[in-house]
Amino acid sequence: VQLVESGGGLVQPGGSLRLSCAASGFTFSSSYMTWYRQAPGKERELVARIGMTSGWTTYADSVKGRFTISRDNAKNTVYLQMNSLKPEDTAVYYCRALDAWGQGTLVTVSS
């Protein structure tokens, strides 16, 4: 299983970013996909999860209405669209599938 995140960076408060996670080594279309994040000095937390199709999703309360998780089973890729970003969204964002983790991508929200 290989998961490769991309799309992180520095963004001002109120801005947007889209993270991508390219997956390989397993049957992507049959797997739930999850985004987690870990802020400095804090535990890793679940941000969003999506079912095998885009018909089922769940979000942490802190990101509801601002973040959207989606997937493209033809591209073996899961996305996290992040809007109205806040400084407290600053974290390393990780993709997870089965028991595997990606390497993470850093999102910094700062003016």
Protein backbone atom coordinates (compact mmCIF):
# COMPACT_ATOMS: atom_id res chain seq x y z
CA VAL A 1 0.00 0.00 0.00
CA GLN A 2 1.33 3.41 -0.95
CA LEU A 3 -0.29 6.75 -0.19
CA VAL A 4 1.23 10.00 -1.41
CA GLU A 5 -0.23 13.30 -0.26
CA SER A 6 0.29 16.62 -2.01
CA GLY A 7 -1.15 20.11 -2.13
CA GLY A 8 -0.11 21.52 1.22
CA GLY A 9 1.44 24.92 1.66
CA LEU A 10 1.16 28.34 3.23
CA VAL A 11 -2.18 30.11 2.93
CA GLN A 12 -3.69 33.19 4.54
CA PRO A 13 -6.68 32.91 6.88
CA GLY A 14 -9.85 32.66 4.86
CA GLY A 15 -8.04 31.06 1.95
CA SER A 16 -8.42 27.66 0.32
CA LEU A 17 -6.30 24.65 -0.48
CA ARG A 18 -7.00 21.29 -2.07
CA LEU A 19 -5.08 18.29 -0.85
CA SER A 20 -4.69 15.14 -2.93
CA CYS A 21 -3.77 11.61 -1.93
CA ALA A 22 -2.70 9.25 -4.70
CA ALA A 23 -3.14 5.61 -3.71
CA SER A 24 -1.71 2.39 -5.05
CA GLY A 25 -1.12 -1.19 -4.03
CA PHE A 26 -4.66 -2.07 -3.02
CA THR A 27 -8.20 -2.03 -4.39
CA PHE A 28 -8.89 1.66 -3.99
CA SER A 29 -12.52 1.51 -5.09
CA SER A 30 -13.30 -0.98 -2.31
CA SER A 31 -11.69 1.00 0.48
CA TYR A 32 -12.81 3.73 2.80
CA MET A 33 -10.40 6.65 2.73
CA THR A 34 -9.66 8.99 5.60
CA TRP A 35 -7.89 12.29 6.14
CA TYR A 36 -6.28 12.94 9.52
CA ARG A 37 -4.27 15.86 10.79
CA GLN A 38 -1.78 16.47 13.54
CA ALA A 39 -1.06 19.93 14.84
CA PRO A 40 2.15 20.73 16.74
CA GLY A 41 1.94 19.35 20.26
CA LYS A 42 -1.42 17.70 19.67
CA GLU A 43 -2.66 14.20 18.95
CA ARG A 44 -3.55 13.11 15.46
CA GLU A 45 -7.27 13.59 14.78
CA LEU A 46 -9.70 12.42 12.15
CA VAL A 47 -10.71 15.20 9.76
CA ALA A 48 -12.92 13.47 7.18
CA ARG A 49 -13.77 10.02 5.88
CA ILE A 50 -15.40 8.86 2.69
CA GLY A 51 -17.01 5.57 1.78
CA MET A 52 -16.29 3.46 -1.26
CA THR A 53 -18.25 5.90 -3.38
CA SER A 54 -18.83 9.56 -2.71
CA GLY A 55 -22.26 8.83 -1.28
CA TRP A 56 -21.16 8.62 2.34
CA THR A 57 -18.93 11.08 4.14
CA THR A 58 -18.29 12.16 7.69
CA TYR A 59 -16.43 15.14 9.14
CA ALA A 60 -14.98 16.38 12.37
CA ASP A 61 -17.21 19.06 13.88
CA SER A 62 -14.36 21.57 13.60
CA VAL A 63 -14.32 21.37 9.78
CA LYS A 64 -17.98 20.78 8.91
CA GLY A 65 -19.20 23.23 6.32
CA ARG A 66 -15.65 24.26 5.38
CA PHE A 67 -13.96 21.06 4.20
CA THR A 68 -15.16 18.60 1.56
CA ILE A 69 -13.77 15.13 1.00
CA SER A 70 -14.19 13.50 -2.39
CA ARG A 71 -12.70 10.68 -4.42
CA ASP A 72 -12.04 9.72 -8.00
CA ASN A 73 -11.97 5.94 -8.23
CA ALA A 74 -10.76 6.11 -11.83
CA LYS A 75 -7.66 7.98 -10.67
CA ASN A 76 -7.21 6.17 -7.32
CA THR A 77 -7.16 9.55 -5.65
CA VAL A 78 -8.91 11.11 -2.70
CA TYR A 79 -9.16 14.86 -2.22
CA LEU A 80 -9.73 17.27 0.63
CA GLN A 81 -11.01 20.68 -0.40
CA MET A 82 -10.39 23.11 2.43
CA ASN A 83 -12.12 26.48 2.39
CA SER A 84 -12.31 29.33 4.90
CA LEU A 85 -9.09 28.15 6.46
CA LYS A 86 -8.25 29.24 9.99
CA PRO A 87 -4.93 29.37 11.84
CA GLU A 88 -6.10 26.43 13.95
CA ASP A 89 -6.22 24.31 10.78
CA THR A 90 -2.43 24.44 10.69
CA ALA A 91 -1.21 20.84 10.83
CA VAL A 92 0.36 18.01 8.93
CA TYR A 93 -2.43 16.30 6.99
CA TYR A 94 -2.25 12.56 6.46
CA CYS A 95 -4.11 10.19 4.22
CA ARG A 96 -5.00 6.76 5.58
CA ALA A 97 -6.29 3.56 4.00
CA LEU A 98 -6.44 0.09 5.52
CA ASP A 99 -3.56 0.19 8.03
CA ALA A 100 -1.32 2.44 5.96
CA TRP A 101 -0.44 6.11 6.30
CA GLY A 102 0.97 8.56 3.84
CA GLN A 103 3.96 10.72 4.66
CA GLY A 104 1.83 13.78 5.27
CA THR A 105 1.64 17.25 3.77
CA LEU A 106 2.05 20.42 5.81
CA VAL A 107 -0.68 23.05 5.80
CA THR A 108 0.16 26.38 7.40
CA VAL A 109 -2.53 29.02 7.80
CA SER A 110 -0.98 32.33 8.69
CA SER A 111 -0.97 35.97 7.68
